[in-house]
Amino acid sequence: MAWRPSLEEVEAAARVLARAGNHYRWWKPYKKSYEEMFATDLMAKSEFDGIVEQMLMAAHEARSATT
């Protein structure tokens, strides 16, 4: 069975990505936090978290392949 990050790990990483994306203007800047931004759009939160989860899983797989 494939390793999966916990919800807490996904949300923590998503907060980092959301802050970086706003800072570097990778997308339209938001003045709201990650929690505020997605509080009213659960589909967007789910999709964003899903991308972050895939990134964490790929990183874990890459690390496992080198050890």
C-alpha atoms as a PDB file:
ATOM      1  CA  MET A   1       0.000   0.000   0.000  1.00  0.00           C
ATOM      2  CA  ALA A   2       1.298   3.454  -0.908  1.00  0.00           C
ATOM      3  CA  TRP A   3       2.312   5.892   1.802  1.00  0.00           C
ATOM      4  CA  ARG A   4      -0.076   8.819   2.232  1.00  0.00           C
ATOM      5  CA  PRO A   5       0.515  12.015   4.205  1.00  0.00           C
ATOM      6  CA  SER A   6      -1.838  12.833   7.049  1.00  0.00           C
ATOM      7  CA  LEU A   7      -4.466  15.540   6.648  1.00  0.00           C
ATOM      8  CA  GLU A   8      -2.426  17.717   9.015  1.00  0.00           C
ATOM      9  CA  GLU A   9       0.685  17.307   6.837  1.00  0.00           C
ATOM     10  CA  VAL A  10      -1.270  18.117   3.670  1.00  0.00           C
ATOM     11  CA  GLU A  11      -2.857  21.219   5.179  1.00  0.00           C
ATOM     12  CA  ALA A  12       0.447  22.450   6.611  1.00  0.00           C
ATOM     13  CA  ALA A  13       2.146  22.070   3.231  1.00  0.00           C
ATOM     14  CA  ALA A  14      -0.847  23.668   1.478  1.00  0.00           C
ATOM     15  CA  ARG A  15      -0.535  26.719   3.733  1.00  0.00           C
ATOM     16  CA  VAL A  16       3.134  27.053   2.751  1.00  0.00           C
ATOM     17  CA  LEU A  17       2.288  26.731  -0.948  1.00  0.00           C
ATOM     18  CA  ALA A  18      -0.592  29.221  -0.665  1.00  0.00           C
ATOM     19  CA  ARG A  19       1.664  31.783   1.072  1.00  0.00           C
ATOM     20  CA  ALA A  20       4.441  31.299  -1.478  1.00  0.00           C
ATOM     21  CA  GLY A  21       2.018  31.515  -4.383  1.00  0.00           C
ATOM     22  CA  ASN A  22       0.627  34.782  -3.073  1.00  0.00           C
ATOM     23  CA  HIS A  23       4.081  36.181  -2.303  1.00  0.00           C
ATOM     24  CA  TYR A  24       5.538  35.339  -5.710  1.00  0.00           C
ATOM     25  CA  ARG A  25       2.264  36.178  -7.490  1.00  0.00           C
ATOM     26  CA  TRP A  26       1.940  32.766  -9.102  1.00  0.00           C
ATOM     27  CA  TRP A  27      -1.790  33.449  -9.052  1.00  0.00           C
ATOM     28  CA  LYS A  28      -4.103  36.302  -8.204  1.00  0.00           C
ATOM     29  CA  PRO A  29      -3.006  37.622  -4.784  1.00  0.00           C
ATOM     30  CA  TYR A  30      -5.346  37.056  -1.841  1.00  0.00           C
ATOM     31  CA  LYS A  31      -5.401  39.022   1.363  1.00  0.00           C
ATOM     32  CA  LYS A  32      -7.018  36.091   3.146  1.00  0.00           C
ATOM     33  CA  SER A  33      -5.281  33.168   4.825  1.00  0.00           C
ATOM     34  CA  TYR A  34      -5.418  29.626   3.459  1.00  0.00           C
ATOM     35  CA  GLU A  35      -8.272  28.843   5.848  1.00  0.00           C
ATOM     36  CA  GLU A  36     -10.255  31.965   4.927  1.00  0.00           C
ATOM     37  CA  MET A  37      -9.594  31.539   1.228  1.00  0.00           C
ATOM     38  CA  PHE A  38     -11.074  28.053   1.099  1.00  0.00           C
ATOM     39  CA  ALA A  39     -13.698  28.316   3.858  1.00  0.00           C
ATOM     40  CA  THR A  40     -16.414  29.066   1.328  1.00  0.00           C
ATOM     41  CA  ASP A  41     -15.125  26.944  -1.565  1.00  0.00           C
ATOM     42  CA  LEU A  42     -14.713  23.364  -0.409  1.00  0.00           C
ATOM     43  CA  MET A  43     -14.185  22.096  -3.968  1.00  0.00           C
ATOM     44  CA  ALA A  44     -11.238  24.463  -4.504  1.00  0.00           C
ATOM     45  CA  LYS A  45      -9.778  23.433  -1.131  1.00  0.00           C
ATOM     46  CA  SER A  46     -10.148  19.765  -1.997  1.00  0.00           C
ATOM     47  CA  GLU A  47      -8.449  20.242  -5.373  1.00  0.00           C
ATOM     48  CA  PHE A  48      -5.636  22.371  -3.917  1.00  0.00           C
ATOM     49  CA  ASP A  49      -5.050  19.905  -1.073  1.00  0.00           C
ATOM     50  CA  GLY A  50      -5.121  17.039  -3.590  1.00  0.00           C
ATOM     51  CA  ILE A  51      -2.308  18.632  -5.585  1.00  0.00           C
ATOM     52  CA  VAL A  52      -0.291  19.159  -2.407  1.00  0.00           C
ATOM     53  CA  GLU A  53      -0.936  15.562  -1.328  1.00  0.00           C
ATOM     54  CA  GLN A  54       0.366  14.306  -4.684  1.00  0.00           C
ATOM     55  CA  MET A  55       3.489  16.459  -4.289  1.00  0.00           C
ATOM     56  CA  LEU A  56       4.150  15.044  -0.809  1.00  0.00           C
ATOM     57  CA  MET A  57       3.604  11.485  -2.030  1.00  0.00           C
ATOM     58  CA  ALA A  58       6.002  12.028  -4.958  1.00  0.00           C
ATOM     59  CA  ALA A  59       8.619  13.468  -2.612  1.00  0.00           C
ATOM     60  CA  HIS A  60       8.254  10.492  -0.281  1.00  0.00           C
ATOM     61  CA  GLU A  61       8.554   8.070  -3.193  1.00  0.00           C
ATOM     62  CA  ALA A  62      11.671   9.843  -4.480  1.00  0.00           C
ATOM     63  CA  ARG A  63      13.246   9.717  -1.031  1.00  0.00           C
ATOM     64  CA  SER A  64      12.405   6.025  -0.653  1.00  0.00           C
ATOM     65  CA  ALA A  65      13.952   5.251  -4.045  1.00  0.00           C
ATOM     66  CA  THR A  66      17.302   6.728  -2.995  1.00  0.00           C
ATOM     67  CA  THR A  67      17.576   4.927   0.348  1.00  0.00           C
END
